[in-house]
Amino acid sequence: MSGLKLTGLRKNYGAHQVIKGVDLVVEPKEFVVFVGPSGCGKSTLLRMIAGLEEISGGDLTIGGVRMNEVDASKRGIAMVFQSYALYPHMTVRENMGFALKYAGESAANIARRVNEAAKILELHKLMDRKPRDLSGGQRQRVAIGRAIVRHPEVFLFDEPLSNLDAELRVQMRIEIARLHKELQTTIIYVTHDQVEAMTLADKIVVLREGLIEQTGAPLTLYDDPDNQFVAGFIGSPRMNFLPAVVKNGALTLPEYDGQVIPMPPVAAKLAEGAEVTVGIRPEHFRTGGSASLDLTIELIEHLGGESFAYARQGKANVITIATGTGRNWASGERIQATFDPASVLLFTAQGARVR
């Protein structure tokens, strides 16, 4: 299977620059996920790779071949869209084989490829149904099957699970992960859902305003984010951020009635009076930590095996705390939320990581 290389890739709409010079290498057989907030350029970047958007600058190579001016149909890619885009008057079999029929493939070859894809996606019992007779998950599998039959070098997925309910999204994530393992193909997948990114990706590309903020394995981005944006975007619930000031060898929290927490080891290089942001993940609040915050619980969200407490001090931002089952806590209760200072991440006023 082919890999991809993006070198200084740019996209302009008149004077407005949407993609601002993206450099990225996607290795053969790698599962890469583009994530970022709405409007960050992730779908535009995917459509540029697909040949559905003209490249304004830079180079795109697939399998070592420059593809900037190559027609979309000749790039060796197949794309699965957010909308299933199935022909309502055609059966599942006809939908899956339509692109091959349009390309002039023989009936025998079309039947063979369609049957192969149907077996992989467990669609063989649905082949004579029409889209109106299928569930959302089944329709999405047909859309994926339509891509598989083309034997592409690269699969592109543009938010394919957004139209499904929560249970079906989990099921389809498993299906897509299994598909990647079975086909051993290169996949680029766009989503705004960082849970999808964490569970599917070999490599995550975090985008913001047309630029890459950070690239890396899911747990690398989770444990070692380069900046506050990545730290806040990767992780669910998101990381807690507390404004702080370095004072007398400790961190003072002005918004939390001046409470003081010990200085984490990484903060030794900071000057007296430096303003920073303290990052603490909800699961880092654990019994027995040497640092603590006095807070009042406003709400407890019980999820069965795990609960989250939402607490604050005065008018400061709400802090999310992972509490285990949370059965011993109640709304309105004053608590001492303890944590290990070594688990804290620090960010400068500009959002860069303090390392």
Protein backbone atom coordinates (compact mmCIF):
# COMPACT_ATOMS: atom_id res chain seq x y z
CA MET A 1 0.00 0.00 0.00
CA SER A 2 1.06 3.58 -0.67
CA GLY A 3 2.05 6.25 1.80
CA LEU A 4 1.50 9.98 1.41
CA LYS A 5 3.62 13.07 1.84
CA LEU A 6 2.31 16.63 2.21
CA THR A 7 4.90 19.37 1.78
CA GLY A 8 3.94 22.98 2.48
CA LEU A 9 0.36 22.26 1.39
CA ARG A 10 -1.80 25.40 1.17
CA LYS A 11 -5.37 26.22 0.23
CA ASN A 12 -6.66 29.71 -0.51
CA TYR A 13 -10.15 30.92 -1.26
CA GLY A 14 -9.35 34.27 -2.79
CA ALA A 15 -7.41 36.23 -0.17
CA HIS A 16 -8.56 33.91 2.63
CA GLN A 17 -6.03 31.21 3.52
CA VAL A 18 -7.63 28.06 4.93
CA ILE A 19 -4.70 25.63 4.92
CA LYS A 20 -1.54 27.51 5.80
CA GLY A 21 1.38 25.24 4.92
CA VAL A 22 0.95 21.67 6.17
CA ASP A 23 3.86 19.22 6.28
CA LEU A 24 2.97 15.61 7.03
CA VAL A 25 4.17 12.09 6.24
CA VAL A 26 1.69 9.19 6.30
CA GLU A 27 3.43 5.83 6.23
CA PRO A 28 2.05 2.88 4.21
CA LYS A 29 -0.62 0.92 6.14
CA GLU A 30 -0.82 3.66 8.79
CA PHE A 31 -4.15 4.74 10.30
CA VAL A 32 -3.96 8.53 10.63
CA VAL A 33 -6.74 10.61 12.17
CA PHE A 34 -7.18 14.35 11.61
CA VAL A 35 -8.87 16.02 14.58
CA GLY A 36 -9.65 19.58 15.53
CA PRO A 37 -12.53 21.95 16.17
CA SER A 38 -15.02 22.94 13.48
CA GLY A 39 -13.42 25.19 10.90
CA CYS A 40 -9.85 24.04 11.56
CA GLY A 41 -9.43 22.79 7.97
CA LYS A 42 -9.39 19.03 8.51
CA SER A 43 -12.09 18.20 5.91
CA THR A 44 -10.62 20.70 3.44
CA LEU A 45 -7.24 19.00 3.81
CA LEU A 46 -8.83 15.59 3.22
CA ARG A 47 -10.62 16.86 0.10
CA MET A 48 -7.33 18.25 -1.23
CA ILE A 49 -5.79 14.78 -0.86
CA ALA A 50 -8.82 13.28 -2.60
CA GLY A 51 -8.60 15.72 -5.50
CA LEU A 52 -11.95 17.34 -4.73
CA GLU A 53 -10.30 20.66 -3.83
CA GLU A 54 -7.61 22.35 -5.89
CA ILE A 55 -4.21 22.69 -4.19
CA SER A 56 -3.14 26.35 -4.00
CA GLY A 57 0.48 25.66 -3.08
CA GLY A 58 2.91 22.99 -1.93
CA ASP A 59 3.12 19.36 -3.04
CA LEU A 60 1.08 16.20 -2.50
CA THR A 61 2.69 12.86 -3.31
CA ILE A 62 1.06 9.43 -3.08
CA GLY A 63 3.35 6.45 -3.45
CA GLY A 64 6.15 8.84 -4.36
CA VAL A 65 4.23 10.33 -7.31
CA ARG A 66 3.26 14.02 -7.33
CA MET A 67 -0.54 14.25 -7.46
CA ASN A 68 -1.27 18.00 -7.47
CA GLU A 69 -2.78 18.07 -10.96
CA VAL A 70 -3.80 14.39 -11.23
CA ASP A 71 -7.53 13.76 -11.60
CA ALA A 72 -9.28 12.44 -8.48
CA SER A 73 -10.25 9.20 -10.25
CA LYS A 74 -6.58 8.39 -10.96
CA ARG A 75 -5.08 8.99 -7.51
CA GLY A 76 -5.71 5.46 -6.25
CA ILE A 77 -7.90 6.65 -3.40
CA ALA A 78 -11.46 5.91 -2.27
CA MET A 79 -13.49 8.18 -0.04
CA VAL A 80 -16.29 7.48 2.44
CA PHE A 81 -18.40 10.55 3.23
CA GLN A 82 -20.41 11.61 6.25
CA SER A 83 -23.60 11.18 4.21
CA TYR A 84 -23.94 7.65 2.90
CA ALA A 85 -24.63 8.92 -0.65
CA LEU A 86 -26.24 5.65 -1.74
CA TYR A 87 -28.43 5.42 -4.82
CA PRO A 88 -31.94 4.84 -3.41
CA HIS A 89 -33.22 2.95 -6.46
CA MET A 90 -30.32 0.47 -6.46
CA THR A 91 -29.83 -2.62 -4.34
CA VAL A 92 -26.84 -3.01 -2.02
CA ARG A 93 -25.16 -5.15 -4.68
CA GLU A 94 -25.73 -2.54 -7.37
CA ASN A 95 -24.57 0.31 -5.15
CA MET A 96 -21.34 -1.47 -4.31
CA GLY A 97 -20.58 -2.38 -7.89
CA PHE A 98 -21.63 0.85 -9.57
CA ALA A 99 -18.18 2.50 -9.72
CA LEU A 100 -16.68 -0.66 -11.21
CA LYS A 101 -19.46 -0.88 -13.78
CA TYR A 102 -18.93 2.79 -14.67
CA ALA A 103 -15.20 2.07 -15.10
CA GLY A 104 -15.97 -0.70 -17.62
CA GLU A 105 -15.02 -3.71 -15.50
CA SER A 106 -16.36 -7.10 -16.57
CA ALA A 107 -19.47 -8.48 -14.88
CA ALA A 108 -17.45 -11.41 -13.51
CA ASN A 109 -14.84 -9.12 -11.96
CA ILE A 110 -17.51 -6.84 -10.47
CA ALA A 111 -19.30 -9.82 -8.92
CA ARG A 112 -16.06 -11.18 -7.46
CA ARG A 113 -15.00 -7.88 -5.89
CA VAL A 114 -18.49 -7.11 -4.56
CA ASN A 115 -18.74 -10.57 -2.97
CA GLU A 116 -15.29 -10.17 -1.40
CA ALA A 117 -16.29 -6.84 0.15
CA ALA A 118 -19.65 -8.21 1.29
CA LYS A 119 -17.89 -11.05 3.09
CA ILE A 120 -15.47 -8.68 4.85
CA LEU A 121 -18.33 -6.40 5.99
CA GLU A 122 -20.84 -9.20 6.65
CA LEU A 123 -23.31 -7.79 4.14
CA HIS A 124 -24.03 -11.00 2.24
CA LYS A 125 -27.58 -11.31 3.65
CA LEU A 126 -28.45 -7.75 2.63
CA MET A 127 -27.28 -7.71 -0.98
CA ASP A 128 -30.74 -7.55 -2.57
CA ARG A 129 -32.15 -4.89 -0.24
CA LYS A 130 -32.40 -1.21 -1.07
CA PRO A 131 -31.05 1.57 1.18
CA ARG A 132 -34.49 2.39 2.62
CA ASP A 133 -34.59 -1.14 4.08
CA LEU A 134 -31.29 -0.75 5.94
CA SER A 135 -30.33 0.71 9.32
CA GLY A 136 -27.88 3.61 9.56
CA GLY A 137 -25.02 1.29 10.46
CA GLN A 138 -25.82 -1.03 7.56
CA ARG A 139 -25.91 1.89 5.13
CA GLN A 140 -22.52 3.07 6.33
CA ARG A 141 -21.10 -0.42 5.83
CA VAL A 142 -22.44 -0.39 2.28
CA ALA A 143 -20.74 2.96 1.70
CA ILE A 144 -17.47 1.48 3.01
CA GLY A 145 -17.99 -1.59 0.83
CA ARG A 146 -18.38 0.65 -2.22
CA ALA A 147 -14.91 2.00 -1.42
CA ILE A 148 -13.37 -1.43 -0.75
CA VAL A 149 -14.34 -2.88 -4.15
CA ARG A 150 -12.13 -0.32 -5.88
CA HIS A 151 -9.01 -1.78 -4.19
CA PRO A 152 -7.65 1.70 -3.45
CA GLU A 153 -4.14 2.51 -2.29
CA VAL A 154 -5.55 4.90 0.33
CA PHE A 155 -8.91 5.10 2.11
CA LEU A 156 -10.24 8.52 3.11
CA PHE A 157 -13.01 8.79 5.71
CA ASP A 158 -14.75 12.15 6.26
CA GLU A 159 -16.59 12.01 9.61
CA PRO A 160 -18.30 8.73 8.62
CA LEU A 161 -19.97 8.10 12.00
CA SER A 162 -21.48 11.52 12.69
CA ASN A 163 -24.98 10.49 11.59
CA LEU A 164 -25.10 7.40 13.82
CA ASP A 165 -26.37 7.11 17.38
CA ALA A 166 -23.93 6.45 20.24
CA GLU A 167 -24.29 2.66 20.27
CA LEU A 168 -23.85 2.37 16.51
CA ARG A 169 -20.79 4.65 16.61
CA VAL A 170 -19.10 2.27 19.05
CA GLN A 171 -20.01 -0.70 16.86
CA MET A 172 -18.76 0.98 13.69
CA ARG A 173 -15.49 2.02 15.36
CA ILE A 174 -14.87 -1.66 16.04
CA GLU A 175 -15.80 -2.50 12.43
CA ILE A 176 -13.43 0.11 10.99
CA ALA A 177 -10.57 -0.98 13.27
CA ARG A 178 -11.12 -4.60 12.23
CA LEU A 179 -11.28 -3.56 8.58
CA HIS A 180 -7.93 -1.76 8.81
CA LYS A 181 -6.32 -4.79 10.44
CA GLU A 182 -7.73 -7.14 7.80
CA LEU A 183 -7.04 -5.04 4.70
CA GLN A 184 -3.70 -3.62 5.90
CA THR A 185 -4.31 -0.44 3.93
CA THR A 186 -3.48 3.22 4.48
CA ILE A 187 -6.35 5.15 6.07
CA ILE A 188 -6.80 8.87 6.69
CA TYR A 189 -9.81 9.57 8.87
CA VAL A 190 -11.35 12.95 9.75
CA THR A 191 -13.37 13.46 12.92
CA HIS A 192 -14.18 16.13 15.50
CA ASP A 193 -14.63 13.37 18.10
CA GLN A 194 -11.37 12.88 19.98
CA VAL A 195 -12.68 9.56 21.42
CA GLU A 196 -12.77 8.17 17.86
CA ALA A 197 -9.28 9.52 17.31
CA MET A 198 -7.89 7.94 20.48
CA THR A 199 -9.43 4.53 19.82
CA LEU A 200 -8.72 4.20 16.09
CA ALA A 201 -5.49 6.02 15.25
CA ASP A 202 -1.92 4.89 14.92
CA LYS A 203 -1.14 8.59 14.63
CA ILE A 204 -3.25 11.65 15.45
CA VAL A 205 -2.83 14.98 13.68
CA VAL A 206 -4.28 17.86 15.72
CA LEU A 207 -5.24 20.83 13.55
CA ARG A 208 -6.16 24.40 14.44
CA GLU A 209 -6.82 27.26 12.04
CA GLY A 210 -5.21 25.52 9.06
CA LEU A 211 -2.02 24.47 10.85
CA ILE A 212 -0.82 21.32 12.58
CA GLU A 213 -0.49 21.83 16.33
CA GLN A 214 0.98 18.41 17.11
CA THR A 215 1.34 14.95 15.56
CA GLY A 216 1.90 11.70 17.43
CA ALA A 217 0.54 8.45 18.83
CA PRO A 218 -2.70 8.87 20.83
CA LEU A 219 -1.18 8.27 24.26
CA THR A 220 1.83 10.45 23.42
CA LEU A 221 -0.48 13.39 22.75
CA TYR A 222 -2.45 12.59 25.89
CA ASP A 223 0.55 12.26 28.20
CA ASP A 224 2.87 14.79 26.61
CA PRO A 225 0.98 17.58 24.78
CA ASP A 226 3.07 20.38 23.29
CA ASN A 227 0.65 23.14 24.26
CA GLN A 228 -2.52 24.00 26.12
CA PHE A 229 -4.72 23.63 23.04
CA VAL A 230 -3.68 20.00 22.47
CA ALA A 231 -3.89 19.23 26.19
CA GLY A 232 -7.46 20.54 26.29
CA PHE A 233 -8.57 18.90 23.07
CA ILE A 234 -7.23 15.40 23.71
CA GLY A 235 -8.91 13.72 26.67
CA SER A 236 -12.51 13.26 27.81
CA PRO A 237 -13.49 14.89 30.07
CA ARG A 238 -11.05 17.63 29.13
CA MET A 239 -8.13 18.72 31.26
CA ASN A 240 -8.78 21.27 34.02
CA PHE A 241 -6.95 24.58 33.61
CA LEU A 242 -6.24 26.81 36.62
CA PRO A 243 -4.52 30.23 36.34
CA ALA A 244 -1.59 30.48 38.76
CA VAL A 245 1.29 32.74 39.78
CA VAL A 246 4.74 31.65 40.96
CA LYS A 247 5.13 33.06 44.47
CA ASN A 248 7.59 32.18 47.23
CA GLY A 249 8.54 28.88 45.62
CA ALA A 250 4.97 27.67 45.18
CA LEU A 251 1.99 28.17 42.87
CA THR A 252 -0.70 30.54 44.08
CA LEU A 253 -4.19 30.26 42.54
CA PRO A 254 -5.76 33.77 42.58
CA GLU A 255 -9.17 32.59 41.35
CA TYR A 256 -9.36 29.94 44.07
CA ASP A 257 -9.10 32.31 47.05
CA GLY A 258 -5.32 32.33 46.78
CA GLN A 259 -4.97 28.64 47.58
CA VAL A 260 -1.38 27.43 47.23
CA ILE A 261 -0.13 24.17 45.73
CA PRO A 262 3.45 22.86 45.72
CA MET A 263 5.63 23.65 42.74
CA PRO A 264 5.93 20.67 40.35
CA PRO A 265 9.54 19.75 39.49
CA VAL A 266 9.29 21.25 35.99
CA ALA A 267 8.47 24.67 37.44
CA ALA A 268 11.87 25.20 39.06
CA LYS A 269 13.01 27.22 36.02
CA LEU A 270 10.15 29.75 36.36
CA ALA A 271 10.86 33.21 37.73
CA GLU A 272 9.12 34.73 40.74
CA GLY A 273 5.86 36.34 39.64
CA ALA A 274 5.58 34.33 36.41
CA GLU A 275 1.99 33.75 35.32
CA VAL A 276 1.23 30.18 34.23
CA THR A 277 -1.72 27.85 33.70
CA VAL A 278 -1.86 24.65 35.73
CA GLY A 279 -3.27 21.62 33.90
CA ILE A 280 -4.71 18.72 35.91
CA ARG A 281 -6.59 15.84 34.31
CA PRO A 282 -9.78 14.69 36.10
CA GLU A 283 -8.32 11.24 36.82
CA HIS A 284 -5.24 12.74 38.49
CA PHE A 285 -7.29 13.66 41.55
CA ARG A 286 -6.60 10.69 43.81
CA THR A 287 -6.65 10.01 47.54
CA GLY A 288 -3.29 10.48 49.22
CA GLY A 289 -1.76 13.13 46.94
CA SER A 290 0.54 15.67 48.57
CA ALA A 291 -1.26 18.64 46.96
CA SER A 292 -4.89 19.57 47.49
CA LEU A 293 -7.65 22.05 46.64
CA ASP A 294 -10.56 22.98 48.89
CA LEU A 295 -13.69 22.87 46.72
CA THR A 296 -17.47 22.62 46.91
CA ILE A 297 -19.26 20.00 44.81
CA GLU A 298 -21.96 21.43 42.55
CA LEU A 299 -22.99 18.30 40.68
CA ILE A 300 -22.11 14.61 40.52
CA GLU A 301 -22.56 12.78 37.26
CA HIS A 302 -23.06 9.07 37.95
CA LEU A 303 -22.16 6.81 35.01
CA GLY A 304 -22.31 3.47 36.80
CA GLY A 305 -18.77 2.17 37.19
CA GLU A 306 -17.37 5.70 37.20
CA SER A 307 -18.59 9.12 38.28
CA PHE A 308 -17.48 12.70 37.76
CA ALA A 309 -17.81 15.46 40.32
CA TYR A 310 -18.03 19.07 39.14
CA ALA A 311 -16.74 21.37 41.85
CA ARG A 312 -15.58 24.97 42.24
CA GLN A 313 -14.33 27.54 44.70
CA GLY A 314 -16.26 30.82 44.66
CA LYS A 315 -16.74 32.06 41.10
CA ALA A 316 -13.74 30.23 39.64
CA ASN A 317 -14.03 27.81 36.74
CA VAL A 318 -15.62 24.45 37.49
CA ILE A 319 -13.13 21.63 38.09
CA THR A 320 -13.94 18.11 36.89
CA ILE A 321 -12.86 15.28 39.20
CA ALA A 322 -12.97 11.55 38.38
CA THR A 323 -14.32 9.97 41.57
CA GLY A 324 -14.58 6.22 41.04
CA THR A 325 -18.21 5.39 41.84
CA GLY A 326 -18.75 8.73 43.63
CA ARG A 327 -21.19 7.13 46.05
CA ASN A 328 -19.61 8.78 49.10
CA TRP A 329 -19.93 12.35 47.79
CA ALA A 330 -22.96 14.62 47.49
CA SER A 331 -23.83 17.96 45.90
CA GLY A 332 -23.05 20.89 48.18
CA GLU A 333 -20.38 18.96 50.07
CA ARG A 334 -17.04 20.60 50.87
CA ILE A 335 -14.18 18.37 49.80
CA GLN A 336 -10.41 18.38 49.71
CA ALA A 337 -9.43 17.24 46.19
CA THR A 338 -5.92 15.77 46.43
CA PHE A 339 -3.43 15.10 43.64
CA ASP A 340 0.27 14.47 43.02
CA PRO A 341 2.09 17.67 41.96
CA ALA A 342 4.25 15.56 39.61
CA SER A 343 1.15 14.84 37.49
CA VAL A 344 0.56 18.56 36.86
CA LEU A 345 1.32 20.13 33.46
CA LEU A 346 2.25 23.80 33.22
CA PHE A 347 1.65 26.19 30.33
CA THR A 348 2.86 29.73 29.71
CA ALA A 349 0.50 32.67 29.29
CA GLN A 350 0.79 32.11 25.52
CA GLY A 351 -0.24 28.42 25.88
CA ALA A 352 3.17 26.81 25.29
CA ARG A 353 4.14 23.86 27.44
CA VAL A 354 6.67 24.46 30.23
CA ARG A 355 9.09 21.55 29.99
